[in-house]
Protein backbone atom coordinates (compact mmCIF):
# COMPACT_ATOMS: atom_id res chain seq x y z
CA MET A 1 45.90 -139.53 -0.91
CA LYS A 2 45.92 -138.14 -4.46
CA ILE A 3 46.27 -134.40 -5.04
CA LEU A 4 42.72 -134.18 -6.39
CA HIS A 5 41.41 -136.10 -3.39
CA ARG A 6 43.21 -133.75 -0.99
CA TYR A 7 41.82 -130.78 -2.89
CA ILE A 8 38.23 -132.08 -2.73
CA PHE A 9 38.63 -133.23 0.88
CA SER A 10 39.86 -129.81 2.04
CA ILE A 11 36.83 -128.11 0.47
CA LEU A 12 34.49 -130.73 1.95
CA VAL A 13 35.90 -130.26 5.45
CA LYS A 14 35.65 -126.47 5.24
CA ASN A 15 32.05 -126.53 3.99
CA PHE A 16 31.12 -129.22 6.53
CA ALA A 17 32.53 -127.20 9.43
CA ILE A 18 30.73 -124.06 8.26
CA GLY A 19 27.44 -125.92 7.78
CA LEU A 20 27.60 -127.76 11.10
CA ALA A 21 28.45 -124.60 13.07
CA MET A 22 25.73 -122.63 11.29
CA PHE A 23 22.95 -125.19 11.79
CA VAL A 24 23.83 -125.90 15.44
CA PHE A 25 23.96 -122.17 16.18
CA LEU A 26 20.58 -121.58 14.50
CA PHE A 27 18.93 -124.39 16.46
CA LEU A 28 20.46 -123.12 19.70
CA MET A 29 19.09 -119.65 18.99
CA VAL A 30 15.61 -121.00 18.22
CA ASP A 31 15.62 -123.05 21.42
CA PHE A 32 17.02 -120.12 23.42
CA PHE A 33 14.21 -117.77 22.43
CA ASP A 34 11.65 -120.55 22.86
CA ARG A 35 12.79 -121.14 26.47
CA LEU A 36 13.66 -117.53 27.29
CA ASP A 37 10.39 -116.59 29.03
CA ASN A 38 10.46 -119.72 31.23
CA VAL A 39 14.11 -119.24 32.14
CA LEU A 40 13.78 -115.54 32.97
CA SER A 41 10.63 -116.08 35.06
CA GLU A 42 12.55 -118.49 37.30
CA ASN A 43 15.43 -116.06 37.92
CA ALA A 44 17.96 -118.75 37.02
CA SER A 45 21.64 -117.88 37.19
CA VAL A 46 23.64 -117.24 34.02
CA TRP A 47 25.87 -120.24 34.78
CA LEU A 48 22.85 -122.55 35.13
CA ILE A 49 21.41 -121.30 31.83
CA ALA A 50 24.79 -121.79 30.14
CA GLN A 51 25.00 -125.35 31.49
CA TYR A 52 21.53 -126.12 30.15
CA PHE A 53 22.32 -124.98 26.61
CA LEU A 54 25.79 -126.57 26.62
CA CYS A 55 24.15 -129.91 27.45
CA LYS A 56 21.91 -129.52 24.38
CA VAL A 57 24.87 -129.15 22.02
CA PRO A 58 25.73 -132.91 21.71
CA LEU A 59 22.20 -133.82 20.58
CA MET A 60 22.08 -130.91 18.15
CA VAL A 61 25.45 -131.91 16.70
CA ALA A 62 24.25 -135.50 16.27
CA LEU A 63 21.03 -134.32 14.60
CA MET A 64 22.80 -131.81 12.35
CA LEU A 65 25.54 -134.15 11.11
CA PRO A 66 23.44 -135.43 8.14
CA ILE A 67 22.32 -131.88 7.26
CA ALA A 68 25.90 -130.61 7.42
CA VAL A 69 27.08 -133.47 5.16
CA MET A 70 24.28 -132.66 2.71
CA PHE A 71 25.26 -128.97 2.80
CA SER A 72 28.96 -129.67 2.25
CA THR A 73 28.26 -132.14 -0.59
CA LEU A 74 25.98 -129.70 -2.37
CA PHE A 75 28.34 -126.78 -2.15
CA THR A 76 31.57 -128.70 -2.74
CA PHE A 77 30.60 -130.74 -5.78
CA GLY A 78 27.95 -128.26 -6.92
CA LEU A 79 30.44 -125.39 -7.15
CA LEU A 80 33.03 -127.65 -8.77
CA SER A 81 30.38 -128.62 -11.35
CA LYS A 82 29.34 -125.02 -11.91
CA SER A 83 32.93 -123.98 -12.58
CA SER A 84 33.31 -126.99 -14.95
CA GLU A 85 36.07 -128.49 -12.80
CA ILE A 86 34.12 -131.76 -12.47
CA THR A 87 33.68 -131.79 -16.27
CA ALA A 88 37.42 -131.38 -16.79
CA MET A 89 38.22 -134.13 -14.28
CA ARG A 90 35.75 -136.57 -15.85
CA ALA A 91 36.98 -135.69 -19.35
CA SER A 92 40.41 -136.90 -18.27
CA GLY A 93 38.92 -140.34 -17.54
CA LEU A 94 38.12 -140.01 -13.85
CA THR A 95 34.77 -141.36 -12.67
CA LEU A 96 32.41 -139.55 -10.32
CA LEU A 97 32.72 -142.27 -7.69
CA TRP A 98 36.53 -142.02 -7.83
CA LEU A 99 36.27 -138.28 -7.25
CA ALA A 100 33.80 -138.92 -4.44
CA ARG A 101 36.19 -141.08 -2.41
CA PRO A 102 36.82 -138.26 0.12
CA LEU A 103 33.04 -137.98 0.57
CA VAL A 104 32.67 -141.76 1.01
CA ILE A 105 35.48 -141.99 3.56
CA SER A 106 34.43 -138.89 5.52
CA GLY A 107 30.78 -140.00 5.42
CA LEU A 108 31.61 -143.40 6.89
CA LEU A 109 33.85 -141.84 9.57
CA LEU A 110 31.13 -139.35 10.48
CA SER A 111 28.62 -142.21 10.71
CA VAL A 112 30.90 -143.88 13.24
CA LEU A 113 31.20 -140.55 15.08
CA SER A 114 27.41 -140.24 15.09
CA PHE A 115 27.08 -143.70 16.65
CA LEU A 116 29.70 -142.91 19.30
CA LEU A 117 27.95 -139.64 20.15
CA GLY A 118 24.63 -141.46 20.50
CA GLU A 119 26.17 -144.20 22.60
CA PHE A 120 28.42 -142.31 25.00
CA VAL A 121 27.66 -138.58 24.95
CA VAL A 122 24.10 -137.70 23.90
CA PRO A 123 22.19 -139.84 26.48
CA HIS A 124 24.14 -138.40 29.41
CA ALA A 125 23.87 -134.84 28.08
CA GLU A 126 20.12 -135.20 27.46
CA ARG A 127 19.47 -136.50 30.98
CA LYS A 128 21.57 -133.71 32.41
CA GLN A 129 19.82 -130.94 30.47
CA LYS A 130 16.39 -132.28 31.44
CA GLN A 131 17.49 -132.42 35.06
CA ILE A 132 18.81 -128.84 34.92
CA TYR A 133 15.71 -127.47 33.19
CA ASN A 134 13.03 -129.34 35.14
CA LEU A 135 14.63 -129.61 38.57
CA GLU A 136 17.08 -126.76 38.95
CA ILE A 137 15.51 -124.04 36.78
CA ARG A 138 11.76 -124.73 36.92
CA LYS A 139 11.88 -126.75 40.19
CA LYS A 140 9.02 -128.95 39.02
CA ASP A 141 9.75 -131.57 41.68
CA LYS A 142 9.34 -129.07 44.54
CA ARG A 143 6.10 -127.78 43.03
CA GLY A 144 4.65 -131.26 42.72
CA GLY A 145 5.00 -131.28 38.95
CA TYR A 146 6.15 -134.90 38.99
CA SER A 147 3.46 -136.20 41.32
CA GLN A 148 1.84 -139.41 40.07
CA GLU A 149 -1.22 -141.45 41.04
CA ASP A 150 -2.08 -145.16 40.99
CA PHE A 151 1.00 -146.89 39.64
CA TRP A 152 2.91 -150.09 40.27
CA TRP A 153 6.20 -151.72 39.38
CA ARG A 154 7.89 -155.07 39.73
CA ASN A 155 11.31 -156.16 40.93
CA GLY A 156 11.85 -159.90 40.62
CA ASN A 157 9.14 -161.63 42.68
CA SER A 158 8.16 -158.44 44.49
CA PHE A 159 5.34 -156.20 43.32
CA PHE A 160 4.85 -152.64 44.54
CA ALA A 161 1.69 -150.52 44.38
CA VAL A 162 1.32 -146.83 45.25
CA ASP A 163 -1.77 -144.62 45.37
CA LEU A 164 0.17 -141.34 45.22
CA PHE A 165 3.74 -140.15 44.79
CA ASN A 166 4.19 -136.55 45.97
CA SER A 167 7.29 -135.13 44.30
CA SER A 168 7.29 -131.98 46.46
CA SER A 169 7.66 -133.99 49.70
CA LYS A 170 9.36 -137.00 48.06
CA SER A 171 6.87 -139.37 49.67
CA LEU A 172 4.75 -142.37 48.67
CA HIS A 173 1.23 -142.71 50.10
CA ASN A 174 -0.83 -145.88 50.63
CA PHE A 175 2.10 -148.08 49.72
CA SER A 176 1.89 -151.88 49.37
CA GLN A 177 4.53 -154.51 48.72
CA PHE A 178 3.64 -158.08 47.72
CA GLU A 179 6.22 -160.86 47.84
CA LEU A 180 5.60 -164.10 45.91
CA ASP A 181 7.43 -167.41 45.89
CA SER A 182 8.58 -169.30 42.79
CA ASP A 183 5.08 -170.80 42.38
CA TRP A 184 3.48 -167.33 42.45
CA ASN A 185 1.93 -167.86 45.85
CA ALA A 186 1.69 -164.82 48.10
CA VAL A 187 4.23 -165.11 50.92
CA LYS A 188 4.14 -161.67 52.49
CA ARG A 189 2.34 -158.36 52.16
CA THR A 190 3.51 -155.07 53.63
CA ASP A 191 1.24 -152.02 53.79
CA ALA A 192 2.34 -148.54 54.85
CA GLU A 193 0.36 -145.36 55.24
CA SER A 194 3.29 -143.38 53.89
CA VAL A 195 6.90 -143.84 52.81
CA GLU A 196 9.27 -140.87 53.09
CA TRP A 197 12.64 -140.30 51.48
CA ILE A 198 15.21 -139.52 54.19
CA SER A 199 18.52 -139.12 52.33
CA ASP A 200 20.83 -140.84 49.86
CA ASP A 201 22.50 -142.66 52.74
CA LEU A 202 19.39 -143.68 54.70
CA GLY A 203 16.97 -144.22 51.81
CA TRP A 204 13.22 -144.70 52.46
CA SER A 205 11.35 -145.02 55.73
CA MET A 206 7.84 -146.55 56.03
CA LYS A 207 5.38 -145.23 58.61
CA GLY A 208 2.20 -146.86 59.91
CA VAL A 209 3.26 -150.32 58.75
CA THR A 210 1.19 -153.51 58.76
CA ARG A 211 2.85 -156.74 57.63
CA TYR A 212 1.04 -159.99 56.78
CA HIS A 213 2.84 -163.37 56.64
CA PHE A 214 0.88 -165.82 54.50
CA ASP A 215 3.39 -168.64 54.83
CA THR A 216 2.26 -169.33 58.42
CA GLN A 217 -0.97 -170.83 59.67
CA PRO A 218 -2.86 -168.96 60.82
CA VAL A 219 -1.73 -165.84 58.96
CA SER A 220 0.39 -163.71 61.28
CA VAL A 221 0.09 -159.93 61.38
CA GLU A 222 2.71 -157.48 62.62
CA HIS A 223 2.40 -153.75 63.26
CA PHE A 224 5.26 -151.27 63.24
CA GLU A 225 5.38 -147.54 63.76
CA GLN A 226 8.37 -147.09 61.48
CA VAL A 227 10.38 -149.53 59.31
CA PRO A 228 13.09 -148.96 56.65
CA LEU A 229 12.14 -149.81 53.07
CA VAL A 230 15.03 -151.32 51.14
CA ILE A 231 14.50 -150.71 47.42
CA GLY A 232 16.81 -149.51 44.67
CA GLU A 233 14.49 -146.74 43.47
CA GLN A 234 15.08 -143.09 44.39
CA PRO A 235 12.54 -140.23 44.12
CA GLU A 236 13.90 -139.27 40.69
CA ASP A 237 13.01 -142.74 39.41
CA PHE A 238 9.31 -141.93 39.91
CA TYR A 239 9.44 -138.68 37.93
CA GLU A 240 9.00 -140.49 34.62
CA PHE A 241 7.36 -143.86 34.20
CA LYS A 242 7.91 -144.23 30.49
CA ASP A 243 11.59 -144.03 29.71
CA ASP A 244 12.45 -141.81 26.77
CA PRO A 245 14.56 -143.71 24.18
CA SER A 246 16.29 -140.45 23.26
CA THR A 247 17.92 -140.40 26.70
CA MET A 248 19.23 -143.96 26.37
CA SER A 249 22.10 -145.42 24.39
CA TYR A 250 21.83 -148.70 22.50
CA THR A 251 23.42 -150.54 25.44
CA GLU A 252 21.10 -148.85 27.96
CA ILE A 253 17.89 -149.43 26.02
CA ARG A 254 18.89 -153.07 25.42
CA ARG A 255 19.48 -153.53 29.16
CA PHE A 256 16.18 -151.77 29.89
CA ILE A 257 14.28 -154.09 27.52
CA LYS A 258 15.80 -157.18 29.13
CA LYS A 259 14.78 -155.93 32.57
CA GLN A 260 11.23 -155.19 31.42
CA ARG A 261 10.94 -158.66 29.89
CA ARG A 262 12.09 -160.29 33.10
CA ASN A 263 9.36 -158.36 34.88
CA GLY A 264 6.74 -159.58 32.40
CA ILE A 265 6.17 -156.19 30.75
CA SER A 266 5.70 -155.83 26.98
CA THR A 267 8.63 -154.13 25.24
CA ALA A 268 7.45 -154.22 21.61
CA GLN A 269 7.26 -150.42 21.43
CA TYR A 270 10.92 -150.07 22.40
CA LEU A 271 12.43 -152.58 19.93
CA PRO A 272 12.35 -150.32 16.82
CA ASP A 273 14.06 -147.57 18.81
CA MET A 274 16.73 -150.01 19.98
CA TYR A 275 17.57 -151.17 16.45
CA SER A 276 17.34 -147.57 15.24
CA LYS A 277 20.30 -146.73 17.49
CA LEU A 278 22.38 -148.90 15.15
CA ALA A 279 20.70 -147.92 11.87
CA ALA A 280 20.31 -144.15 12.27
CA PRO A 281 24.01 -143.18 12.16
CA LEU A 282 24.28 -144.56 8.61
CA VAL A 283 22.09 -141.70 7.36
CA VAL A 284 25.14 -139.42 7.61
CA PHE A 285 26.81 -141.47 4.86
CA LEU A 286 23.67 -142.11 2.78
CA VAL A 287 22.59 -138.46 2.58
CA GLY A 288 25.88 -137.49 0.99
CA MET A 289 25.63 -140.31 -1.56
CA ILE A 290 22.02 -139.44 -2.41
CA VAL A 291 22.86 -135.77 -2.93
CA LEU A 292 26.03 -136.42 -4.97
CA PRO A 293 24.44 -137.15 -8.41
CA PHE A 294 22.36 -133.98 -8.24
CA THR A 295 25.46 -131.84 -7.88
CA LEU A 296 26.15 -132.52 -11.59
CA ILE A 297 23.08 -130.52 -12.67
CA PRO A 298 24.92 -127.15 -12.61
CA THR A 299 27.25 -128.55 -15.31
CA ARG A 300 24.33 -128.60 -17.71
CA THR A 301 22.18 -125.73 -16.46
CA GLY A 302 24.69 -123.37 -14.87
CA SER A 303 22.41 -123.05 -11.80
CA MET A 304 22.52 -124.81 -8.43
CA ALA A 305 18.84 -124.14 -7.70
CA GLN A 306 17.55 -127.32 -9.32
CA SER A 307 20.20 -129.53 -7.74
CA SER A 308 19.58 -128.02 -4.32
CA LEU A 309 15.82 -128.49 -4.50
CA ALA A 310 16.04 -132.04 -5.86
CA ALA A 311 18.66 -133.05 -3.31
CA LEU A 312 16.74 -131.51 -0.43
CA PHE A 313 13.55 -133.30 -1.48
CA ILE A 314 15.18 -136.72 -1.65
CA ALA A 315 17.31 -136.21 1.47
CA PHE A 316 14.36 -135.18 3.61
CA ALA A 317 12.31 -138.03 2.15
CA TYR A 318 14.68 -140.24 4.16
CA PHE A 319 13.32 -138.84 7.41
CA ALA A 320 9.71 -139.27 6.22
CA VAL A 321 10.34 -142.95 5.38
CA ASP A 322 12.20 -143.47 8.64
CA SER A 323 9.44 -141.93 10.77
CA PHE A 324 6.78 -143.97 8.97
CA SER A 325 8.63 -147.28 9.27
CA ILE A 326 9.50 -146.72 12.95
CA SER A 327 5.83 -145.97 13.65
CA MET A 328 4.84 -149.18 11.86
CA GLY A 329 7.35 -151.06 13.98
CA ARG A 330 6.03 -149.60 17.23
CA ALA A 331 2.53 -150.63 16.16
CA ASP A 332 3.84 -154.18 15.56
CA LEU A 333 2.95 -153.97 11.85
CA LEU A 334 6.58 -154.45 10.80
CA PRO A 335 9.34 -156.53 12.41
CA ALA A 336 11.41 -154.21 14.58
CA PRO A 337 14.76 -154.74 12.76
CA LEU A 338 13.12 -154.14 9.37
CA ALA A 339 11.32 -151.03 10.67
CA ALA A 340 14.61 -149.57 11.91
CA TRP A 341 16.55 -150.35 8.72
CA MET A 342 13.77 -149.69 6.17
CA ALA A 343 14.78 -146.09 5.44
CA ASN A 344 18.43 -147.09 5.01
CA ILE A 345 17.47 -149.92 2.64
CA VAL A 346 15.19 -147.72 0.52
CA MET A 347 17.49 -144.71 0.39
CA GLY A 348 20.59 -146.85 -0.04
CA THR A 349 18.96 -148.42 -3.11
CA VAL A 350 18.00 -144.97 -4.44
CA ALA A 351 21.56 -143.71 -3.88
CA LEU A 352 23.02 -146.70 -5.73
CA ILE A 353 20.69 -146.26 -8.73
CA LEU A 354 21.31 -142.50 -8.92
CA ASN A 355 25.09 -142.85 -8.76
CA LEU A 356 25.18 -145.63 -11.33
CA GLY A 357 22.99 -143.48 -13.57
CA ALA A 358 25.32 -140.51 -13.13
CA GLU A 359 28.22 -142.64 -14.42
CA ALA A 360 26.32 -143.72 -17.52
CA PRO A 361 27.47 -142.04 -20.76
CA ARG A 362 25.22 -139.30 -22.13
């Protein structure tokens, strides 16, 4: 690495670390004071509260990576421009893009880091923090906060219907299971007055069971006082019926979509989020490249105010375009891959035009 590259890279790293730490800390403080009344009212232990906020750090780091890159780019190249160091370097024949190689390399590496965080760390941390907050701090399950009415699900050729799930007692009421053959003919129906969760080892137990066998003539009926129910679902699986894409990695959401399709359930609303898991990390690189040309403004004006405002406007426009295109994709008005990559395409084009314009002689 050239001496100038090492010099610029060292300043970039320092400003990036300062920006990332500052923004993550600010967001943690905002969230802390937002949750403080709920946490204190539940008399949660200090260790439990610490676990909750520690689990929020990975998501905040992932969200703040683009902002930290924007911050470091502005202050690194902006201050170099203000002190006329960029002018001196370019006067010696060096191009802006050559000087920006440390930014390009670090931006691409941070994009990869962002993807790895979203794939392996953030989903697990998000599920854990929601579990700590809702189950261990607020105890919503014990208070019936996750109770649900009139829902069904499918597993292969079996359909399940429930009138009520009581999260406080971990029980299903007025439960029915329908089993179909390959021709979609009803083979068996099982009704139970209630289904109770016993333990992780023993699973579910049905009470007041009536079972109908439609594959015999005449239809046979059996009655049982108590029968085990063998299903893969646990009480926690009934807490949320609509999975949150933010708590799933690309691999998990792809697997989830395949499962939903096999069960005959529409997955159009999840496809933009799945492709976004691949597209979103690139914003870390693009934000730095969009901001870069505006850092030359202090060379001509002596002030960083204009460059900061212009860069902030364009950088945050990325998120506006991304939100709009993802919404269009969820509404099936845009193909899901295009909806996920639209912001990158638009802002990548803008970054290319701005940087080529910055190299043009004046």
